[in-house]
PDB file of N, CA and C in Angstrom:
ATOM      1  N   MET A   1      57.420  -6.521 -18.040  1.00  0.00           N
ATOM      2  CA  MET A   1      56.118  -5.872 -18.059  1.00  0.00           C
ATOM      3  C   MET A   1      55.144  -6.784 -17.343  1.00  0.00           C
ATOM      4  N   GLU A   2      54.262  -6.185 -16.567  1.00  0.00           N
ATOM      5  CA  GLU A   2      53.251  -6.961 -15.858  1.00  0.00           C
ATOM      6  C   GLU A   2      51.998  -6.112 -15.686  1.00  0.00           C
ATOM      7  N   THR A   3      50.843  -6.743 -15.874  1.00  0.00           N
ATOM      8  CA  THR A   3      49.572  -6.062 -15.658  1.00  0.00           C
ATOM      9  C   THR A   3      48.545  -7.070 -15.167  1.00  0.00           C
ATOM     10  N   LEU A   4      47.325  -6.610 -14.986  1.00  0.00           N
ATOM     11  CA  LEU A   4      46.226  -7.488 -14.596  1.00  0.00           C
ATOM     12  C   LEU A   4      45.886  -8.381 -15.782  1.00  0.00           C
ATOM     13  N   LYS A   5      45.121  -9.438 -15.571  1.00  0.00           N
ATOM     14  CA  LYS A   5      44.841 -10.363 -16.678  1.00  0.00           C
ATOM     15  C   LYS A   5      43.420 -10.289 -17.219  1.00  0.00           C
ATOM     16  N   ASN A   6      42.419 -10.274 -16.351  1.00  0.00           N
ATOM     17  CA  ASN A   6      41.020 -10.249 -16.796  1.00  0.00           C
ATOM     18  C   ASN A   6      40.271  -9.187 -16.015  1.00  0.00           C
ATOM     19  N   LEU A   7      39.656  -8.268 -16.732  1.00  0.00           N
ATOM     20  CA  LEU A   7      38.904  -7.188 -16.099  1.00  0.00           C
ATOM     21  C   LEU A   7      37.492  -7.150 -16.655  1.00  0.00           C
ATOM     22  N   ALA A   8      36.538  -6.807 -15.791  1.00  0.00           N
ATOM     23  CA  ALA A   8      35.149  -6.637 -16.221  1.00  0.00           C
ATOM     24  C   ALA A   8      34.665  -5.290 -15.710  1.00  0.00           C
ATOM     25  N   VAL A   9      33.971  -4.566 -16.557  1.00  0.00           N
ATOM     26  CA  VAL A   9      33.470  -3.249 -16.181  1.00  0.00           C
ATOM     27  C   VAL A   9      32.084  -3.057 -16.787  1.00  0.00           C
ATOM     28  N   ARG A  10      31.287  -2.262 -16.100  1.00  0.00           N
ATOM     29  CA  ARG A  10      29.926  -1.977 -16.549  1.00  0.00           C
ATOM     30  C   ARG A  10      29.947  -1.009 -17.734  1.00  0.00           C
ATOM     31  N   ARG A  11      29.057  -1.224 -18.670  1.00  0.00           N
ATOM     32  CA  ARG A  11      28.913  -0.349 -19.834  1.00  0.00           C
ATOM     33  C   ARG A  11      28.783   1.105 -19.374  1.00  0.00           C
ATOM     34  N   GLY A  12      29.507   1.993 -20.022  1.00  0.00           N
ATOM     35  CA  GLY A  12      29.483   3.411 -19.674  1.00  0.00           C
ATOM     36  C   GLY A  12      30.477   3.772 -18.584  1.00  0.00           C
ATOM     37  N   GLY A  13      31.094   2.762 -17.974  1.00  0.00           N
ATOM     38  CA  GLY A  13      32.028   2.985 -16.873  1.00  0.00           C
ATOM     39  C   GLY A  13      33.416   3.401 -17.339  1.00  0.00           C
ATOM     40  N   SER A  14      34.246   3.697 -16.352  1.00  0.00           N
ATOM     41  CA  SER A  14      35.635   4.084 -16.593  1.00  0.00           C
ATOM     42  C   SER A  14      36.545   3.150 -15.809  1.00  0.00           C
ATOM     43  N   LEU A  15      37.790   3.091 -16.207  1.00  0.00           N
ATOM     44  CA  LEU A  15      38.725   2.163 -15.594  1.00  0.00           C
ATOM     45  C   LEU A  15      40.137   2.708 -15.727  1.00  0.00           C
ATOM     46  N   THR A  16      40.950   2.538 -14.677  1.00  0.00           N
ATOM     47  CA  THR A  16      42.366   2.876 -14.730  1.00  0.00           C
ATOM     48  C   THR A  16      43.154   1.591 -14.524  1.00  0.00           C
ATOM     49  N   ILE A  17      43.991   1.266 -15.483  1.00  0.00           N
ATOM     50  CA  ILE A  17      44.728  -0.001 -15.479  1.00  0.00           C
ATOM     51  C   ILE A  17      46.211   0.266 -15.233  1.00  0.00           C
ATOM     52  N   PRO A  18      46.822  -0.412 -14.243  1.00  0.00           N
ATOM     53  CA  PRO A  18      48.256  -0.251 -13.997  1.00  0.00           C
ATOM     54  C   PRO A  18      49.083  -1.205 -14.859  1.00  0.00           C
ATOM     55  N   CYS A  19      50.195  -0.706 -15.370  1.00  0.00           N
ATOM     56  CA  CYS A  19      51.139  -1.521 -16.142  1.00  0.00           C
ATOM     57  C   CYS A  19      52.527  -1.296 -15.536  1.00  0.00           C
ATOM     58  N   PHE A  20      53.117  -2.339 -14.988  1.00  0.00           N
ATOM     59  CA  PHE A  20      54.405  -2.232 -14.302  1.00  0.00           C
ATOM     60  C   PHE A  20      55.541  -2.637 -15.241  1.00  0.00           C
ATOM     61  N   TYR A  21      56.620  -1.854 -15.244  1.00  0.00           N
ATOM     62  CA  TYR A  21      57.744  -2.132 -16.140  1.00  0.00           C
ATOM     63  C   TYR A  21      59.068  -2.144 -15.384  1.00  0.00           C
ATOM     64  N   ASP A  22      60.092  -2.696 -16.019  1.00  0.00           N
ATOM     65  CA  ASP A  22      61.429  -2.777 -15.448  1.00  0.00           C
ATOM     66  C   ASP A  22      62.036  -1.376 -15.354  1.00  0.00           C
ATOM     67  N   GLU A  23      62.781  -1.133 -14.303  1.00  0.00           N
ATOM     68  CA  GLU A  23      63.364   0.185 -14.060  1.00  0.00           C
ATOM     69  C   GLU A  23      64.201   0.699 -15.232  1.00  0.00           C
ATOM     70  N   LYS A  24      64.817  -0.199 -15.976  1.00  0.00           N
ATOM     71  CA  LYS A  24      65.666   0.237 -17.089  1.00  0.00           C
ATOM     72  C   LYS A  24      64.881   0.885 -18.227  1.00  0.00           C
ATOM     73  N   TYR A  25      63.540   0.805 -18.174  1.00  0.00           N
ATOM     74  CA  TYR A  25      62.706   1.385 -19.227  1.00  0.00           C
ATOM     75  C   TYR A  25      62.037   2.705 -18.818  1.00  0.00           C
ATOM     76  N   LYS A  26      62.526   3.330 -17.753  1.00  0.00           N
ATOM     77  CA  LYS A  26      61.911   4.573 -17.256  1.00  0.00           C
ATOM     78  C   LYS A  26      61.743   5.639 -18.337  1.00  0.00           C
ATOM     79  N   SER A  27      62.732   5.780 -19.204  1.00  0.00           N
ATOM     80  CA  SER A  27      62.690   6.870 -20.192  1.00  0.00           C
ATOM     81  C   SER A  27      62.103   6.443 -21.541  1.00  0.00           C
ATOM     82  N   ASN A  28      61.725   5.187 -21.678  1.00  0.00           N
ATOM     83  CA  ASN A  28      61.160   4.705 -22.944  1.00  0.00           C
ATOM     84  C   ASN A  28      59.696   5.110 -23.093  1.00  0.00           C
ATOM     85  N   ARG A  29      59.234   5.153 -24.351  1.00  0.00           N
ATOM     86  CA  ARG A  29      57.833   5.469 -24.623  1.00  0.00           C
ATOM     87  C   ARG A  29      56.961   4.284 -24.215  1.00  0.00           C
ATOM     88  N   LYS A  30      55.856   4.579 -23.542  1.00  0.00           N
ATOM     89  CA  LYS A  30      54.897   3.550 -23.138  1.00  0.00           C
ATOM     90  C   LYS A  30      53.652   3.693 -23.999  1.00  0.00           C
ATOM     91  N   TYR A  31      53.015   2.546 -24.303  1.00  0.00           N
ATOM     92  CA  TYR A  31      51.805   2.622 -25.117  1.00  0.00           C
ATOM     93  C   TYR A  31      50.844   1.489 -24.815  1.00  0.00           C
ATOM     94  N   TRP A  32      49.631   1.640 -25.336  1.00  0.00           N
ATOM     95  CA  TRP A  32      48.494   0.746 -25.108  1.00  0.00           C
ATOM     96  C   TRP A  32      47.953   0.380 -26.474  1.00  0.00           C
ATOM     97  N   CYS A  33      47.865  -0.904 -26.744  1.00  0.00           N
ATOM     98  CA  CYS A  33      47.323  -1.278 -28.043  1.00  0.00           C
ATOM     99  C   CYS A  33      46.304  -2.401 -27.916  1.00  0.00           C
ATOM    100  N   ARG A  34      45.538  -2.576 -28.982  1.00  0.00           N
ATOM    101  CA  ARG A  34      44.427  -3.523 -28.973  1.00  0.00           C
ATOM    102  C   ARG A  34      44.610  -4.561 -30.070  1.00  0.00           C
ATOM    103  N   GLY A  35      44.345  -5.821 -29.710  1.00  0.00           N
ATOM    104  CA  GLY A  35      44.404  -6.892 -30.692  1.00  0.00           C
ATOM    105  C   GLY A  35      44.722  -8.219 -30.036  1.00  0.00           C
ATOM    106  N   TYR A  36      44.181  -9.284 -30.589  1.00  0.00           N
ATOM    107  CA  TYR A  36      44.401 -10.618 -30.035  1.00  0.00           C
ATOM    108  C   TYR A  36      45.867 -11.031 -30.185  1.00  0.00           C
ATOM    109  N   HIS A  37      46.419 -10.795 -31.368  1.00  0.00           N
ATOM    110  CA  HIS A  37      47.818 -11.134 -31.631  1.00  0.00           C
ATOM    111  C   HIS A  37      48.676  -9.879 -31.532  1.00  0.00           C
ATOM    112  N   TRP A  38      49.814 -10.010 -30.883  1.00  0.00           N
ATOM    113  CA  TRP A  38      50.726  -8.882 -30.755  1.00  0.00           C
ATOM    114  C   TRP A  38      51.116  -8.335 -32.129  1.00  0.00           C
ATOM    115  N   SER A  39      51.345  -9.210 -33.082  1.00  0.00           N
ATOM    116  CA  SER A  39      51.817  -8.788 -34.403  1.00  0.00           C
ATOM    117  C   SER A  39      50.819  -7.905 -35.154  1.00  0.00           C
ATOM    118  N   SER A  40      49.537  -7.991 -34.792  1.00  0.00           N
ATOM    119  CA  SER A  40      48.525  -7.178 -35.474  1.00  0.00           C
ATOM    120  C   SER A  40      47.872  -6.162 -34.537  1.00  0.00           C
ATOM    121  N   CYS A  41      48.489  -5.935 -33.413  1.00  0.00           N
ATOM    122  CA  CYS A  41      47.966  -5.013 -32.406  1.00  0.00           C
ATOM    123  C   CYS A  41      47.997  -3.569 -32.931  1.00  0.00           C
ATOM    124  N   LYS A  42      46.918  -2.821 -32.714  1.00  0.00           N
ATOM    125  CA  LYS A  42      46.819  -1.425 -33.160  1.00  0.00           C
ATOM    126  C   LYS A  42      46.977  -0.497 -31.959  1.00  0.00           C
ATOM    127  N   ILE A  43      47.915   0.448 -32.050  1.00  0.00           N
ATOM    128  CA  ILE A  43      48.156   1.376 -30.942  1.00  0.00           C
ATOM    129  C   ILE A  43      46.947   2.289 -30.767  1.00  0.00           C
ATOM    130  N   VAL A  44      46.433   2.318 -29.535  1.00  0.00           N
ATOM    131  CA  VAL A  44      45.271   3.142 -29.185  1.00  0.00           C
ATOM    132  C   VAL A  44      45.739   4.464 -28.583  1.00  0.00           C
ATOM    133  N   ALA A  45      46.778   4.414 -27.739  1.00  0.00           N
ATOM    134  CA  ALA A  45      47.286   5.615 -27.074  1.00  0.00           C
ATOM    135  C   ALA A  45      48.717   5.361 -26.614  1.00  0.00           C
ATOM    136  N   SER A  46      49.461   6.451 -26.429  1.00  0.00           N
ATOM    137  CA  SER A  46      50.817   6.342 -25.901  1.00  0.00           C
ATOM    138  C   SER A  46      51.107   7.558 -25.039  1.00  0.00           C
ATOM    139  N   THR A  47      52.234   7.519 -24.324  1.00  0.00           N
ATOM    140  CA  THR A  47      52.601   8.675 -23.516  1.00  0.00           C
ATOM    141  C   THR A  47      52.775   9.869 -24.447  1.00  0.00           C
ATOM    142  N   ASN A  48      52.411  11.030 -23.954  1.00  0.00           N
ATOM    143  CA  ASN A  48      52.517  12.287 -24.703  1.00  0.00           C
ATOM    144  C   ASN A  48      51.570  12.382 -25.897  1.00  0.00           C
ATOM    145  N   THR A  49      50.450  11.669 -25.854  1.00  0.00           N
ATOM    146  CA  THR A  49      49.411  11.846 -26.868  1.00  0.00           C
ATOM    147  C   THR A  49      48.108  12.157 -26.146  1.00  0.00           C
ATOM    148  N   SER A  50      47.174  12.765 -26.850  1.00  0.00           N
ATOM    149  CA  SER A  50      45.889  13.081 -26.231  1.00  0.00           C
ATOM    150  C   SER A  50      44.785  12.340 -26.969  1.00  0.00           C
ATOM    151  N   GLY A  51      43.664  12.176 -26.290  1.00  0.00           N
ATOM    152  CA  GLY A  51      42.528  11.481 -26.884  1.00  0.00           C
ATOM    153  C   GLY A  51      41.650  10.902 -25.790  1.00  0.00           C
ATOM    154  N   GLY A  52      40.702  10.062 -26.175  1.00  0.00           N
ATOM    155  CA  GLY A  52      39.767   9.480 -25.219  1.00  0.00           C
ATOM    156  C   GLY A  52      40.415   8.512 -24.253  1.00  0.00           C
ATOM    157  N   THR A  53      41.496   7.869 -24.677  1.00  0.00           N
ATOM    158  CA  THR A  53      42.246   6.956 -23.823  1.00  0.00           C
ATOM    159  C   THR A  53      43.566   7.629 -23.501  1.00  0.00           C
ATOM    160  N   SER A  54      43.936   7.662 -22.214  1.00  0.00           N
ATOM    161  CA  SER A  54      45.188   8.322 -21.857  1.00  0.00           C
ATOM    162  C   SER A  54      46.168   7.345 -21.223  1.00  0.00           C
ATOM    163  N   VAL A  55      47.446   7.550 -21.517  1.00  0.00           N
ATOM    164  CA  VAL A  55      48.542   6.779 -20.938  1.00  0.00           C
ATOM    165  C   VAL A  55      49.396   7.763 -20.147  1.00  0.00           C
ATOM    166  N   THR A  56      49.533   7.529 -18.845  1.00  0.00           N
ATOM    167  CA  THR A  56      50.298   8.414 -17.973  1.00  0.00           C
ATOM    168  C   THR A  56      51.427   7.633 -17.321  1.00  0.00           C
ATOM    169  N   ASP A  57      52.652   8.110 -17.506  1.00  0.00           N
ATOM    170  CA  ASP A  57      53.810   7.430 -16.933  1.00  0.00           C
ATOM    171  C   ASP A  57      54.052   7.915 -15.505  1.00  0.00           C
ATOM    172  N   HIS A  58      54.428   6.978 -14.643  1.00  0.00           N
ATOM    173  CA  HIS A  58      54.786   7.261 -13.251  1.00  0.00           C
ATOM    174  C   HIS A  58      56.169   6.649 -13.015  1.00  0.00           C
ATOM    175  N   PRO A  59      57.232   7.283 -13.544  1.00  0.00           N
ATOM    176  CA  PRO A  59      58.562   6.671 -13.521  1.00  0.00           C
ATOM    177  C   PRO A  59      59.111   6.395 -12.123  1.00  0.00           C
ATOM    178  N   THR A  60      58.719   7.166 -11.125  1.00  0.00           N
ATOM    179  CA  THR A  60      59.222   6.902  -9.771  1.00  0.00           C
ATOM    180  C   THR A  60      58.660   5.600  -9.208  1.00  0.00           C
ATOM    181  N   GLN A  61      57.566   5.110  -9.800  1.00  0.00           N
ATOM    182  CA  GLN A  61      56.950   3.854  -9.356  1.00  0.00           C
ATOM    183  C   GLN A  61      57.151   2.727 -10.374  1.00  0.00           C
ATOM    184  N   ASN A  62      57.906   2.996 -11.439  1.00  0.00           N
ATOM    185  CA  ASN A  62      58.130   2.012 -12.512  1.00  0.00           C
ATOM    186  C   ASN A  62      56.812   1.462 -13.045  1.00  0.00           C
ATOM    187  N   MET A  63      55.897   2.350 -13.320  1.00  0.00           N
ATOM    188  CA  MET A  63      54.596   1.935 -13.848  1.00  0.00           C
ATOM    189  C   MET A  63      53.989   3.052 -14.684  1.00  0.00           C
ATOM    190  N   PHE A  64      53.069   2.666 -15.552  1.00  0.00           N
ATOM    191  CA  PHE A  64      52.229   3.658 -16.214  1.00  0.00           C
ATOM    192  C   PHE A  64      50.793   3.196 -16.075  1.00  0.00           C
ATOM    193  N   THR A  65      49.876   4.151 -16.187  1.00  0.00           N
ATOM    194  CA  THR A  65      48.460   3.824 -16.083  1.00  0.00           C
ATOM    195  C   THR A  65      47.768   4.164 -17.396  1.00  0.00           C
ATOM    196  N   VAL A  66      46.753   3.377 -17.686  1.00  0.00           N
ATOM    197  CA  VAL A  66      45.927   3.593 -18.872  1.00  0.00           C
ATOM    198  C   VAL A  66      44.533   3.913 -18.368  1.00  0.00           C
ATOM    199  N   GLU A  67      44.017   5.077 -18.736  1.00  0.00           N
ATOM    200  CA  GLU A  67      42.677   5.474 -18.306  1.00  0.00           C
ATOM    201  C   GLU A  67      41.709   5.326 -19.473  1.00  0.00           C
ATOM    202  N   LEU A  68      40.689   4.518 -19.241  1.00  0.00           N
ATOM    203  CA  LEU A  68      39.649   4.269 -20.243  1.00  0.00           C
ATOM    204  C   LEU A  68      38.350   4.875 -19.735  1.00  0.00           C
ATOM    205  N   LYS A  69      37.633   5.593 -20.598  1.00  0.00           N
ATOM    206  CA  LYS A  69      36.396   6.267 -20.185  1.00  0.00           C
ATOM    207  C   LYS A  69      35.239   5.868 -21.083  1.00  0.00           C
ATOM    208  N   SER A  70      34.038   5.954 -20.537  1.00  0.00           N
ATOM    209  CA  SER A  70      32.798   5.710 -21.291  1.00  0.00           C
ATOM    210  C   SER A  70      32.871   4.422 -22.108  1.00  0.00           C
ATOM    211  N   LEU A  71      33.233   3.345 -21.446  1.00  0.00           N
ATOM    212  CA  LEU A  71      33.417   2.066 -22.139  1.00  0.00           C
ATOM    213  C   LEU A  71      32.106   1.487 -22.651  1.00  0.00           C
ATOM    214  N   GLN A  72      32.162   0.881 -23.831  1.00  0.00           N
ATOM    215  CA  GLN A  72      31.001   0.255 -24.465  1.00  0.00           C
ATOM    216  C   GLN A  72      31.310  -1.216 -24.749  1.00  0.00           C
ATOM    217  N   ASP A  73      30.263  -1.996 -25.038  1.00  0.00           N
ATOM    218  CA  ASP A  73      30.439  -3.421 -25.315  1.00  0.00           C
ATOM    219  C   ASP A  73      31.504  -3.653 -26.394  1.00  0.00           C
ATOM    220  N   SER A  74      31.541  -2.786 -27.381  1.00  0.00           N
ATOM    221  CA  SER A  74      32.491  -2.939 -28.491  1.00  0.00           C
ATOM    222  C   SER A  74      33.947  -2.750 -28.051  1.00  0.00           C
ATOM    223  N   ASP A  75      34.154  -2.239 -26.835  1.00  0.00           N
ATOM    224  CA  ASP A  75      35.510  -2.073 -26.303  1.00  0.00           C
ATOM    225  C   ASP A  75      36.046  -3.368 -25.697  1.00  0.00           C
ATOM    226  N   SER A  76      35.207  -4.384 -25.566  1.00  0.00           N
ATOM    227  CA  SER A  76      35.662  -5.672 -25.032  1.00  0.00           C
ATOM    228  C   SER A  76      36.721  -6.259 -25.956  1.00  0.00           C
ATOM    229  N   GLY A  77      37.718  -6.900 -25.369  1.00  0.00           N
ATOM    230  CA  GLY A  77      38.733  -7.550 -26.191  1.00  0.00           C
ATOM    231  C   GLY A  77      40.082  -7.607 -25.514  1.00  0.00           C
ATOM    232  N   TYR A  78      41.076  -8.052 -26.289  1.00  0.00           N
ATOM    233  CA  TYR A  78      42.454  -8.149 -25.804  1.00  0.00           C
ATOM    234  C   TYR A  78      43.173  -6.827 -25.998  1.00  0.00           C
ATOM    235  N   TYR A  79      43.938  -6.441 -24.975  1.00  0.00           N
ATOM    236  CA  TYR A  79      44.741  -5.224 -25.004  1.00  0.00           C
ATOM    237  C   TYR A  79      46.140  -5.549 -24.491  1.00  0.00           C
ATOM    238  N   TRP A  80      47.086  -4.692 -24.838  1.00  0.00           N
ATOM    239  CA  TRP A  80      48.475  -4.883 -24.451  1.00  0.00           C
ATOM    240  C   TRP A  80      49.045  -3.615 -23.826  1.00  0.00           C
ATOM    241  N   CYS A  81      49.704  -3.765 -22.675  1.00  0.00           N
ATOM    242  CA  CYS A  81      50.560  -2.725 -22.116  1.00  0.00           C
ATOM    243  C   CYS A  81      51.925  -2.965 -22.748  1.00  0.00           C
ATOM    244  N   ALA A  82      52.590  -1.925 -23.216  1.00  0.00           N
ATOM    245  CA  ALA A  82      53.881  -2.137 -23.869  1.00  0.00           C
ATOM    246  C   ALA A  82      54.834  -0.969 -23.647  1.00  0.00           C
ATOM    247  N   VAL A  83      56.116  -1.293 -23.688  1.00  0.00           N
ATOM    248  CA  VAL A  83      57.188  -0.308 -23.620  1.00  0.00           C
ATOM    249  C   VAL A  83      57.999  -0.450 -24.899  1.00  0.00           C
ATOM    250  N   GLU A  84      58.209   0.673 -25.570  1.00  0.00           N
ATOM    251  CA  GLU A  84      58.982   0.663 -26.810  1.00  0.00           C
ATOM    252  C   GLU A  84      60.464   0.505 -26.480  1.00  0.00           C
ATOM    253  N   ILE A  85      61.063  -0.554 -26.994  1.00  0.00           N
ATOM    254  CA  ILE A  85      62.477  -0.809 -26.741  1.00  0.00           C
ATOM    255  C   ILE A  85      63.322  -0.194 -27.847  1.00  0.00           C
ATOM    256  N   GLY A  86      62.877  -0.330 -29.077  1.00  0.00           N
ATOM    257  CA  GLY A  86      63.599   0.239 -30.207  1.00  0.00           C
ATOM    258  C   GLY A  86      64.685  -0.702 -30.686  1.00  0.00           C
ATOM    259  N   GLY A  87      65.211  -0.403 -31.825  1.00  0.00           N
ATOM    260  CA  GLY A  87      66.266  -1.237 -32.386  1.00  0.00           C
ATOM    261  C   GLY A  87      65.701  -2.415 -33.158  1.00  0.00           C
ATOM    262  N   ARG A  88      66.286  -2.679 -34.274  1.00  0.00           N
ATOM    263  CA  ARG A  88      65.836  -3.771 -35.125  1.00  0.00           C
ATOM    264  C   ARG A  88      66.104  -5.113 -34.445  1.00  0.00           C
ATOM    265  N   GLY A  89      65.119  -5.980 -34.458  1.00  0.00           N
ATOM    266  CA  GLY A  89      65.277  -7.299 -33.866  1.00  0.00           C
ATOM    267  C   GLY A  89      65.138  -7.322 -32.355  1.00  0.00           C
ATOM    268  N   THR A  90      64.832  -6.172 -31.754  1.00  0.00           N
ATOM    269  CA  THR A  90      64.635  -6.110 -30.304  1.00  0.00           C
ATOM    270  C   THR A  90      63.151  -5.892 -30.044  1.00  0.00           C
ATOM    271  N   PRO A  91      62.439  -6.926 -29.612  1.00  0.00           N
ATOM    272  CA  PRO A  91      60.995  -6.772 -29.407  1.00  0.00           C
ATOM    273  C   PRO A  91      60.679  -5.855 -28.225  1.00  0.00           C
ATOM    274  N   ASP A  92      59.563  -5.149 -28.335  1.00  0.00           N
ATOM    275  CA  ASP A  92      59.105  -4.318 -27.228  1.00  0.00           C
ATOM    276  C   ASP A  92      58.705  -5.213 -26.064  1.00  0.00           C
ATOM    277  N   ASP A  93      58.845  -4.679 -24.835  1.00  0.00           N
ATOM    278  CA  ASP A  93      58.421  -5.416 -23.644  1.00  0.00           C
ATOM    279  C   ASP A  93      56.917  -5.220 -23.525  1.00  0.00           C
ATOM    280  N   LYS A  94      56.171  -6.295 -23.253  1.00  0.00           N
ATOM    281  CA  LYS A  94      54.710  -6.210 -23.298  1.00  0.00           C
ATOM    282  C   LYS A  94      54.057  -7.270 -22.426  1.00  0.00           C
ATOM    283  N   ASP A  95      52.773  -7.023 -22.095  1.00  0.00           N
ATOM    284  CA  ASP A  95      51.923  -7.996 -21.413  1.00  0.00           C
ATOM    285  C   ASP A  95      50.486  -7.686 -21.817  1.00  0.00           C
ATOM    286  N   TYR A  96      49.648  -8.726 -21.863  1.00  0.00           N
ATOM    287  CA  TYR A  96      48.277  -8.541 -22.339  1.00  0.00           C
ATOM    288  C   TYR A  96      47.260  -8.721 -21.215  1.00  0.00           C
ATOM    289  N   LEU A  97      46.042  -8.254 -21.493  1.00  0.00           N
ATOM    290  CA  LEU A  97      44.907  -8.490 -20.603  1.00  0.00           C
ATOM    291  C   LEU A  97      43.656  -8.607 -21.457  1.00  0.00           C
ATOM    292  N   TYR A  98      42.592  -9.127 -20.853  1.00  0.00           N
ATOM    293  CA  TYR A  98      41.306  -9.206 -21.546  1.00  0.00           C
ATOM    294  C   TYR A  98      40.307  -8.349 -20.786  1.00  0.00           C
ATOM    295  N   LEU A  99      39.635  -7.459 -21.503  1.00  0.00           N
ATOM    296  CA  LEU A  99      38.639  -6.558 -20.929  1.00  0.00           C
ATOM    297  C   LEU A  99      37.254  -6.957 -21.418  1.00  0.00           C
ATOM    298  N   THR A 100      36.329  -7.106 -20.470  1.00  0.00           N
ATOM    299  CA  THR A 100      34.933  -7.392 -20.803  1.00  0.00           C
ATOM    300  C   THR A 100      34.085  -6.214 -20.358  1.00  0.00           C
ATOM    301  N   VAL A 101      33.326  -5.646 -21.282  1.00  0.00           N
ATOM    302  CA  VAL A 101      32.390  -4.562 -20.975  1.00  0.00           C
ATOM    303  C   VAL A 101      30.993  -5.108 -21.215  1.00  0.00           C
ATOM    304  N   SER A 102      30.125  -5.005 -20.211  1.00  0.00           N
ATOM    305  CA  SER A 102      28.758  -5.509 -20.373  1.00  0.00           C
ATOM    306  C   SER A 102      27.792  -4.701 -19.521  1.00  0.00           C
ATOM    307  N   ALA A 103      26.497  -4.905 -19.775  1.00  0.00           N
ATOM    308  CA  ALA A 103      25.461  -4.164 -19.054  1.00  0.00           C
ATOM    309  C   ALA A 103      25.486  -4.491 -17.570  1.00  0.00           C
ATOM    310  N   ASP A 104      25.753  -5.747 -17.240  1.00  0.00           N
ATOM    311  CA  ASP A 104      25.732  -6.152 -15.841  1.00  0.00           C
ATOM    312  C   ASP A 104      26.748  -7.266 -15.596  1.00  0.00           C
ATOM    313  N   PRO A 105      28.037  -6.914 -15.502  1.00  0.00           N
ATOM    314  CA  PRO A 105      29.042  -7.949 -15.273  1.00  0.00           C
ATOM    315  C   PRO A 105      28.882  -8.582 -13.895  1.00  0.00           C
ATOM    316  N   ALA A 106      29.306  -9.821 -13.765  1.00  0.00           N
ATOM    317  CA  ALA A 106      29.223 -10.525 -12.486  1.00  0.00           C
ATOM    318  C   ALA A 106      30.038  -9.788 -11.423  1.00  0.00           C
ATOM    319  N   VAL A 107      31.181  -9.260 -11.824  1.00  0.00           N
ATOM    320  CA  VAL A 107      32.024  -8.460 -10.937  1.00  0.00           C
ATOM    321  C   VAL A 107      32.376  -7.207 -11.715  1.00  0.00           C
ATOM    322  N   SER A 108      32.220  -6.056 -11.095  1.00  0.00           N
ATOM    323  CA  SER A 108      32.550  -4.826 -11.805  1.00  0.00           C
ATOM    324  C   SER A 108      33.378  -3.908 -10.927  1.00  0.00           C
ATOM    325  N   VAL A 109      34.060  -2.965 -11.564  1.00  0.00           N
ATOM    326  CA  VAL A 109      34.856  -1.975 -10.864  1.00  0.00           C
ATOM    327  C   VAL A 109      34.021  -0.713 -10.746  1.00  0.00           C
ATOM    328  N   ILE A 110      33.789  -0.273  -9.513  1.00  0.00           N
ATOM    329  CA  ILE A 110      33.060   0.972  -9.285  1.00  0.00           C
ATOM    330  C   ILE A 110      34.065   2.104  -9.140  1.00  0.00           C
ATOM    331  N   ASN A 111      35.065   1.906  -8.305  1.00  0.00           N
ATOM    332  CA  ASN A 111      36.165   2.844  -8.147  1.00  0.00           C
ATOM    333  C   ASN A 111      37.456   2.049  -8.184  1.00  0.00           C
ATOM    334  N   SER A 112      38.521   2.627  -8.727  1.00  0.00           N
ATOM    335  CA  SER A 112      39.803   1.931  -8.723  1.00  0.00           C
ATOM    336  C   SER A 112      40.896   2.873  -8.248  1.00  0.00           C
ATOM    337  N   THR A 113      41.851   2.320  -7.513  1.00  0.00           N
ATOM    338  CA  THR A 113      42.992   3.067  -7.024  1.00  0.00           C
ATOM    339  C   THR A 113      44.244   2.308  -7.403  1.00  0.00           C
ATOM    340  N   VAL A 114      45.269   3.026  -7.824  1.00  0.00           N
ATOM    341  CA  VAL A 114      46.512   2.398  -8.235  1.00  0.00           C
ATOM    342  C   VAL A 114      47.609   2.793  -7.264  1.00  0.00           C
ATOM    343  N   SER A 115      48.423   1.821  -6.865  1.00  0.00           N
ATOM    344  CA  SER A 115      49.574   2.127  -6.015  1.00  0.00           C
ATOM    345  C   SER A 115      50.762   1.306  -6.494  1.00  0.00           C
ATOM    346  N   GLY A 116      51.961   1.724  -6.110  1.00  0.00           N
ATOM    347  CA  GLY A 116      53.172   1.017  -6.526  1.00  0.00           C
ATOM    348  C   GLY A 116      53.292  -0.330  -5.860  1.00  0.00           C
ATOM    349  N   GLN A 117      54.159  -1.177  -6.447  1.00  0.00           N
ATOM    350  CA  GLN A 117      54.369  -2.518  -5.898  1.00  0.00           C
ATOM    351  C   GLN A 117      55.283  -2.466  -4.713  1.00  0.00           C
TER     352      GLN A 117
END
């Protein structure tokens, strides 16, 4: 699993985050969770669920995207891209990033485009 590491976005903005995974996980469930420690991370969204945050799988590119909308300061924090591996004692494949939402970030995303590696 691989994703970006530090992102900054303007309050009220939207963001699409790419999460790249190993080809062997094409059919596994992908999800997005929030929390500093993986062990206490709370799932925010996953593939095949609906809500304010969406996770869309792109299996031909070995990636999924997480779309975040109307971000607020309280959305700042650590997040994890993850693929459910399943099986007892087999940890899910994952990578984390830190998101900063503020009124006027030093660098912000106005538009974002995602493409395969």
